[in-house]
C-alpha atoms as a PDB file:
ATOM      1  CA  MET A   1     210.752 112.582 172.972  1.00  0.00           C
ATOM      2  CA  THR A   2     212.040 116.016 173.656  1.00  0.00           C
ATOM      3  CA  SER A   3     211.990 117.670 177.031  1.00  0.00           C
ATOM      4  CA  ALA A   4     209.183 119.991 175.838  1.00  0.00           C
ATOM      5  CA  ASN A   5     207.102 116.987 174.735  1.00  0.00           C
ATOM      6  CA  ASN A   6     207.617 115.326 178.097  1.00  0.00           C
ATOM      7  CA  GLN A   7     206.516 118.474 179.912  1.00  0.00           C
ATOM      8  CA  VAL A   8     203.339 118.739 177.823  1.00  0.00           C
ATOM      9  CA  ARG A   9     202.588 115.037 178.263  1.00  0.00           C
ATOM     10  CA  GLU A  10     203.114 115.259 182.016  1.00  0.00           C
ATOM     11  CA  ALA A  11     200.934 118.371 182.315  1.00  0.00           C
ATOM     12  CA  MET A  12     198.125 116.696 180.346  1.00  0.00           C
ATOM     13  CA  HIS A  13     198.437 113.517 182.401  1.00  0.00           C
ATOM     14  CA  ASN A  14     198.212 115.490 185.646  1.00  0.00           C
ATOM     15  CA  MET A  15     195.180 117.394 184.371  1.00  0.00           C
ATOM     16  CA  TYR A  16     193.343 114.175 183.487  1.00  0.00           C
ATOM     17  CA  ILE A  17     194.276 112.580 186.800  1.00  0.00           C
ATOM     18  CA  SER A  18     192.830 115.617 188.618  1.00  0.00           C
ATOM     19  CA  PHE A  19     189.466 115.025 186.865  1.00  0.00           C
ATOM     20  CA  HIS A  20     189.212 111.353 187.856  1.00  0.00           C
ATOM     21  CA  SER A  21     186.048 110.611 189.850  1.00  0.00           C
ATOM     22  CA  LYS A  22     185.191 114.317 190.002  1.00  0.00           C
ATOM     23  CA  GLU A  23     183.103 114.564 186.839  1.00  0.00           C
ATOM     24  CA  PRO A  24     179.725 116.229 187.349  1.00  0.00           C
ATOM     25  CA  GLY A  25     176.510 114.367 186.679  1.00  0.00           C
ATOM     26  CA  ASP A  26     175.312 110.812 187.020  1.00  0.00           C
ATOM     27  CA  PRO A  27     177.431 108.349 185.013  1.00  0.00           C
ATOM     28  CA  THR A  28     174.823 105.595 185.376  1.00  0.00           C
ATOM     29  CA  LYS A  29     172.106 107.838 183.959  1.00  0.00           C
ATOM     30  CA  LEU A  30     174.414 108.832 181.083  1.00  0.00           C
ATOM     31  CA  ALA A  31     175.245 105.200 180.316  1.00  0.00           C
ATOM     32  CA  LYS A  32     171.544 104.296 180.199  1.00  0.00           C
ATOM     33  CA  ALA A  33     170.810 107.240 177.876  1.00  0.00           C
ATOM     34  CA  LEU A  34     173.677 106.295 175.553  1.00  0.00           C
ATOM     35  CA  ILE A  35     172.626 102.661 175.393  1.00  0.00           C
ATOM     36  CA  ALA A  36     169.004 103.633 174.723  1.00  0.00           C
ATOM     37  CA  ALA A  37     170.093 106.018 171.955  1.00  0.00           C
ATOM     38  CA  VAL A  38     172.340 103.437 170.299  1.00  0.00           C
ATOM     39  CA  ASN A  39     169.680 100.732 170.457  1.00  0.00           C
ATOM     40  CA  ASP A  40     166.877 102.976 169.147  1.00  0.00           C
ATOM     41  CA  SER A  41     165.529 101.883 165.761  1.00  0.00           C
ATOM     42  CA  ASN A  42     165.469 105.536 164.658  1.00  0.00           C
ATOM     43  CA  PRO A  43     168.287 107.193 166.636  1.00  0.00           C
ATOM     44  CA  SER A  44     168.563 110.938 166.951  1.00  0.00           C
ATOM     45  CA  PHE A  45     171.342 112.676 165.076  1.00  0.00           C
ATOM     46  CA  ARG A  46     172.265 114.536 168.271  1.00  0.00           C
ATOM     47  CA  LEU A  47     172.145 113.539 171.917  1.00  0.00           C
ATOM     48  CA  LEU A  48     171.988 116.392 174.382  1.00  0.00           C
ATOM     49  CA  VAL A  49     173.198 115.525 177.865  1.00  0.00           C
ATOM     50  CA  GLY A  50     173.831 117.694 180.867  1.00  0.00           C
ATOM     51  CA  LYS A  51     171.880 120.289 182.785  1.00  0.00           C
ATOM     52  CA  GLY A  52     172.754 123.251 180.604  1.00  0.00           C
ATOM     53  CA  MET A  53     172.318 121.759 177.148  1.00  0.00           C
ATOM     54  CA  VAL A  54     168.614 122.465 176.572  1.00  0.00           C
ATOM     55  CA  GLY A  55     169.038 126.122 177.507  1.00  0.00           C
ATOM     56  CA  THR A  56     172.162 126.391 175.364  1.00  0.00           C
ATOM     57  CA  VAL A  57     170.385 124.956 172.315  1.00  0.00           C
ATOM     58  CA  GLU A  58     167.309 127.135 172.876  1.00  0.00           C
ATOM     59  CA  GLN A  59     169.519 130.211 173.065  1.00  0.00           C
ATOM     60  CA  PHE A  60     171.368 129.181 169.896  1.00  0.00           C
ATOM     61  CA  TYR A  61     168.151 128.739 167.919  1.00  0.00           C
ATOM     62  CA  CYS A  62     166.564 131.942 169.252  1.00  0.00           C
ATOM     63  CA  THR A  63     169.665 133.885 168.235  1.00  0.00           C
ATOM     64  CA  HIS A  64     169.827 132.331 164.751  1.00  0.00           C
ATOM     65  CA  LEU A  65     166.088 132.484 164.065  1.00  0.00           C
ATOM     66  CA  SER A  66     166.053 136.218 164.776  1.00  0.00           C
ATOM     67  CA  GLU A  67     168.752 136.910 162.176  1.00  0.00           C
END
């Protein structure tokens, strides 16, 4: 690897390490939702997770429906 590649790799590694155990939300709740979605006999094409997702999707559809 070149020196530039090593610098990029190290920067990415440090960024990911800084995220460890600091992710927002409830990982147990997410795991349960993912397992339920996977095991559903008629799974949804999309799975919205996170506090802001419903508002984001509503805004998207309102914007596109008005066009």
